Amino acid sequence: MNQHFSHGDIAFRFTSNRLCLDFLATKGEVGHRDIERIGSPLAYSAWIAASGILDRDPLVSPSEVDEAIEFREVMRSYFLDLVNGAAPDSTAVAAINRAARRPVPRLELSQSGTSVSKQADVAGDSALSSVARDVLSLVVEGQIARVKQCNDPTCCMFFLDKSRANNRIWCATEGRGCGNKAKKRAFRSRQKELV
């Protein structure tokens, strides 16, 4: 999924090629500016809908927001271990497994019987289950080794490298992506050297 969804001044990023990695992108510029994109029930609800987990902005509670933020940090630890060649922490593995056991969204027919929507009794549970199951799918598909972290030290976004040569180093190269920014910096530097 390659799209952006804007909620106020903060844009949700769906450019990592996986739901679980897009969930990690709900916190931007980790350790630099620490941009929080799901810090309120309204923002988290909008992300759940924008991600496609549920069809509409669901009702979420402040405790579901806190749980999502805590789970995101567990997942960040898990992926940091993997991209750095370390064995994932057993508590992170256990937390991902627990989240994956939660109920997933269910499909329901509309009153007319001609359309289907994704529903959940507890939106936060379904969202975290969907995210955790996507981590499991990465492992099952043999794609976990292709997860990388953006080379820009202020970005820290994770992405699934789908390039044939498995040599992608930036979270994105188009628009405001880090690869494009790096190209612009290099171009400006070359131009200054010529002057």
Protein backbone atom coordinates (compact mmCIF):
# COMPACT_ATOMS: atom_id res chain seq x y z
CA MET A 1 0.00 0.00 0.00
CA ASN A 2 1.61 3.26 -1.13
CA GLN A 3 -0.50 6.15 0.09
CA HIS A 4 -0.54 9.05 2.50
CA PHE A 5 -3.42 9.99 4.77
CA SER A 6 -3.40 13.39 6.42
CA HIS A 7 -4.94 13.93 9.84
CA GLY A 8 -4.45 17.53 10.82
CA ASP A 9 -0.82 18.50 10.35
CA ILE A 10 0.50 14.96 10.71
CA ALA A 11 0.41 12.61 7.72
CA PHE A 12 0.09 8.87 8.18
CA ARG A 13 2.67 7.03 6.11
CA PHE A 14 1.73 3.87 4.24
CA THR A 15 4.89 3.44 2.18
CA SER A 16 6.70 0.58 3.92
CA ASN A 17 5.04 -2.21 1.91
CA ARG A 18 3.63 -3.90 5.06
CA LEU A 19 0.93 -3.10 7.60
CA CYS A 20 3.13 -3.91 10.60
CA LEU A 21 5.87 -1.57 9.39
CA ASP A 22 3.32 1.15 8.58
CA PHE A 23 2.18 0.81 12.20
CA LEU A 24 5.74 1.52 13.33
CA ALA A 25 5.66 4.67 11.18
CA THR A 26 2.94 6.08 13.46
CA LYS A 27 5.89 7.45 15.40
CA GLY A 28 8.18 9.50 13.20
CA GLU A 29 11.74 10.71 13.54
CA VAL A 30 12.37 8.46 16.54
CA GLY A 31 15.03 9.88 18.82
CA HIS A 32 15.08 13.11 16.81
CA ARG A 33 11.71 14.89 17.00
CA ASP A 34 9.56 11.90 18.10
CA ILE A 35 6.47 12.75 16.07
CA GLU A 36 3.45 10.96 17.57
CA ARG A 37 0.76 10.23 14.99
CA ILE A 38 -1.67 8.12 17.08
CA GLY A 39 -1.49 9.86 20.46
CA SER A 40 -5.22 10.45 20.84
CA PRO A 41 -8.33 8.29 20.35
CA LEU A 42 -9.29 10.40 17.32
CA ALA A 43 -5.86 10.01 15.68
CA TYR A 44 -5.61 6.27 16.42
CA SER A 45 -9.13 5.74 15.11
CA ALA A 46 -8.25 7.59 11.90
CA TRP A 47 -5.12 5.45 11.45
CA ILE A 48 -7.09 2.20 11.90
CA ALA A 49 -9.51 3.28 9.17
CA ALA A 50 -6.80 4.67 6.88
CA SER A 51 -4.81 1.44 7.17
CA GLY A 52 -7.80 -0.56 5.93
CA ILE A 53 -8.07 -2.68 9.07
CA LEU A 54 -11.65 -1.41 9.51
CA ASP A 55 -13.81 0.44 7.00
CA ARG A 56 -14.72 3.42 9.16
CA ASP A 57 -13.13 5.40 11.96
CA PRO A 58 -13.95 3.19 14.95
CA LEU A 59 -14.43 4.28 18.54
CA VAL A 60 -11.25 3.72 20.54
CA SER A 61 -10.57 4.52 24.17
CA PRO A 62 -7.58 6.29 25.70
CA SER A 63 -6.47 2.96 27.18
CA GLU A 64 -6.48 1.41 23.69
CA VAL A 65 -4.25 4.28 22.52
CA ASP A 66 -1.85 3.65 25.41
CA GLU A 67 -1.81 -0.07 24.62
CA ALA A 68 -1.13 0.60 20.92
CA ILE A 69 1.78 2.93 21.73
CA GLU A 70 3.25 0.37 24.15
CA PHE A 71 2.87 -2.43 21.58
CA ARG A 72 4.47 -0.28 18.90
CA GLU A 73 7.58 0.12 21.10
CA VAL A 74 7.72 -3.66 21.61
CA MET A 75 7.57 -4.15 17.85
CA ARG A 76 10.23 -1.47 17.30
CA SER A 77 12.51 -3.42 19.63
CA TYR A 78 11.75 -6.64 17.75
CA PHE A 79 12.56 -5.15 14.34
CA LEU A 80 15.63 -3.30 15.61
CA ASP A 81 17.02 -6.61 16.87
CA LEU A 82 16.33 -8.25 13.50
CA VAL A 83 17.86 -5.53 11.32
CA ASN A 84 20.92 -5.45 13.59
CA GLY A 85 21.41 -9.20 13.24
CA ALA A 86 20.49 -10.02 16.85
CA ALA A 87 18.03 -12.59 18.12
CA PRO A 88 14.74 -10.90 19.01
CA ASP A 89 14.05 -10.41 22.70
CA SER A 90 11.83 -13.19 24.07
CA THR A 91 9.45 -10.71 25.73
CA ALA A 92 8.89 -8.97 22.39
CA VAL A 93 8.20 -12.32 20.70
CA ALA A 94 5.73 -13.24 23.46
CA ALA A 95 3.95 -9.86 23.17
CA ILE A 96 3.58 -10.23 19.40
CA ASN A 97 2.20 -13.75 19.83
CA ARG A 98 -0.29 -12.55 22.48
CA ALA A 99 -1.47 -9.74 20.20
CA ALA A 100 -1.87 -12.15 17.28
CA ARG A 101 -4.28 -14.27 19.37
CA ARG A 102 -6.72 -11.36 19.75
CA PRO A 103 -9.85 -11.28 17.57
CA VAL A 104 -9.40 -10.06 14.02
CA PRO A 105 -11.95 -7.92 12.17
CA ARG A 106 -14.91 -9.84 10.83
CA LEU A 107 -16.83 -9.30 7.62
CA GLU A 108 -20.55 -8.50 7.81
CA LEU A 109 -23.17 -8.04 5.11
CA SER A 110 -24.94 -4.69 4.93
CA GLN A 111 -28.71 -4.46 5.47
CA SER A 112 -29.18 -4.55 1.69
CA GLY A 113 -27.10 -7.69 1.44
CA THR A 114 -25.10 -6.22 -1.45
CA SER A 115 -22.00 -4.95 0.32
CA VAL A 116 -19.66 -6.07 3.07
CA SER A 117 -17.92 -4.11 5.80
CA LYS A 118 -15.14 -4.92 8.27
CA GLN A 119 -16.38 -4.82 11.87
CA ALA A 120 -14.85 -5.33 15.32
CA ASP A 121 -16.24 -5.47 18.83
CA VAL A 122 -13.06 -3.88 20.22
CA ALA A 123 -11.30 -1.89 17.50
CA GLY A 124 -7.99 -1.71 19.36
CA ASP A 125 -7.85 -5.48 19.79
CA SER A 126 -8.59 -6.07 16.11
CA ALA A 127 -6.02 -3.49 15.05
CA LEU A 128 -3.22 -4.93 17.17
CA SER A 129 -4.14 -8.47 16.12
CA SER A 130 -4.01 -7.47 12.44
CA VAL A 131 -0.62 -5.79 12.93
CA ALA A 132 0.82 -8.75 14.88
CA ARG A 133 -0.47 -11.27 12.34
CA ASP A 134 1.25 -9.28 9.62
CA VAL A 135 4.54 -9.79 11.48
CA LEU A 136 3.83 -13.53 11.53
CA SER A 137 3.04 -13.44 7.80
CA LEU A 138 6.41 -11.80 7.11
CA VAL A 139 8.10 -14.72 8.83
CA VAL A 140 5.94 -17.37 7.09
CA GLU A 141 6.57 -15.76 3.68
CA GLY A 142 10.33 -15.73 4.30
CA GLN A 143 10.39 -11.93 3.94
CA ILE A 144 11.59 -10.99 7.43
CA ALA A 145 15.22 -10.75 6.26
CA ARG A 146 14.16 -8.11 3.72
CA VAL A 147 12.97 -5.71 6.44
CA LYS A 148 15.32 -2.76 6.66
CA GLN A 149 15.58 0.55 8.44
CA CYS A 150 15.90 3.82 6.54
CA ASN A 151 19.48 5.04 6.18
CA ASP A 152 18.55 8.61 7.18
CA PRO A 153 19.49 8.94 10.87
CA THR A 154 16.56 11.29 11.55
CA CYS A 155 13.95 9.01 9.95
CA CYS A 156 14.30 5.54 11.51
CA MET A 157 11.37 4.17 9.45
CA PHE A 158 11.32 0.45 8.67
CA PHE A 159 10.34 -0.89 5.25
CA LEU A 160 10.15 -4.13 3.30
CA ASP A 161 12.75 -4.04 0.52
CA LYS A 162 11.02 -5.36 -2.59
CA SER A 163 13.86 -4.42 -4.92
CA ARG A 164 15.21 -7.25 -7.04
CA ALA A 165 18.77 -6.71 -5.80
CA ASN A 166 17.63 -6.24 -2.18
CA ASN A 167 19.71 -3.04 -2.02
CA ARG A 168 17.19 -0.34 -1.12
CA ILE A 169 18.43 1.93 1.71
CA TRP A 170 15.76 4.67 1.94
CA CYS A 171 12.20 4.50 3.23
CA ALA A 172 11.03 6.29 0.08
CA THR A 173 12.63 8.04 -2.86
CA GLU A 174 9.68 10.01 -4.22
CA GLY A 175 8.14 13.22 -2.87
CA ARG A 176 9.38 14.06 0.61
CA GLY A 177 11.02 10.64 1.04
CA CYS A 178 14.48 10.37 2.56
CA GLY A 179 16.04 9.11 -0.67
CA ASN A 180 14.83 12.18 -2.54
CA LYS A 181 16.08 14.47 0.24
CA ALA A 182 19.49 12.76 0.14
CA LYS A 183 19.67 13.23 -3.65
CA LYS A 184 18.86 16.92 -3.26
CA ARG A 185 21.53 17.36 -0.57
CA ALA A 186 24.11 15.63 -2.77
CA PHE A 187 23.12 17.77 -5.76
CA ARG A 188 23.42 21.00 -3.73
CA SER A 189 26.79 19.89 -2.40
CA ARG A 190 28.06 19.22 -5.95
CA GLN A 191 26.75 22.60 -7.08
CA LYS A 192 28.60 24.39 -4.27
CA GLU A 193 31.82 22.61 -5.21
CA LEU A 194 31.48 23.86 -8.80
CA VAL A 195 31.12 27.49 -7.70
